[in-house]
Amino acid sequence: MEIKKDRKSTTERRTVSGGGKGRKPRDRKGMSFITGGNPRKRNKKWILKRRNDRFRVVRSDENTQPKETELKCQIYLDTNDDKISEKYYQNLLKVLEEQDFILSRENPAEKGSWLKKFWVKSKKTLSSPEVLDRLEKIERGIELKHIDKVQSEVDLNTSQAISNLLESTKDIPNFSTLVGSLLFAKATVNGEPIVFAQTLTQDQLKIVKENPSLINKPFDLINKMEEVKVKVLAENKQKKLAGS
């Protein structure tokens, strides 16, 4: 959803974004925002791609029974302020804890900018679909907060934890956070922030794994993830034309 402010007044005007048509949705603060989001506001072919991708991941899992799960996590923060960095890190852990993941091990943070690798494990045994459900719930919660909307699909504690996490990003111009397959990132270009929150497809994850330095380049990372989406939509269009 895009919210524009009239230059002659402080009145806010809400408009629906053109998801899947080349325009990126913006939140109430004028921030460009990219997410998996509400199916009614996204390109249906991309929705189908994500669902099929999820099905393949679950089906290829040799052990579909619930098990203790450990997720690798990475953070890059474009700040050398330890207080800001630690606040973001702790707020992220609280969000994950609300989804039944707790810190299992961590590496010391690398300074300069702020780089951190850590792992979280499930409090209880979870199946692959249950893990994905929890990551997607975080994605959805971030989206709902950006469009200033609360729904029953995100419980109160998770909603508050996400609010605290988003609040801790306001003084960080660029960051990337990867939790399993969930990417949460922000890049600021000419004073305009672009925020990305999405559980990645296998094609997107492959790019991240093959280019580990991308995590330290939020703008390039977001662009690469969007390039995959554009490619998928273009290929689907070509197939449709070929079959017509």
Foldseek 3Di string as FASTA:
>chain_A
DAWDADPVDRDIDDDQFQAQPPTFHAFNVRAGEAEPDDCVRHDVLLVVLQVVLLVVVQVPPPDQDFDKDKWKKKKWFADQDPVLVVQLVVLVQQLVVVLQWHWDFWDDWDGPTTIIITMIIGNTTDGSVSVVLSLVLLRHLLVCVRRVHDDPSHDPSSNVSSVSNVVSCPPTQWMWMQIRQWIWIWHADPNHIYIYTYRAGPVLVVVCVVPVCVRNVRVVSVVSRVVVVVVSVVVVVVVVVVVD
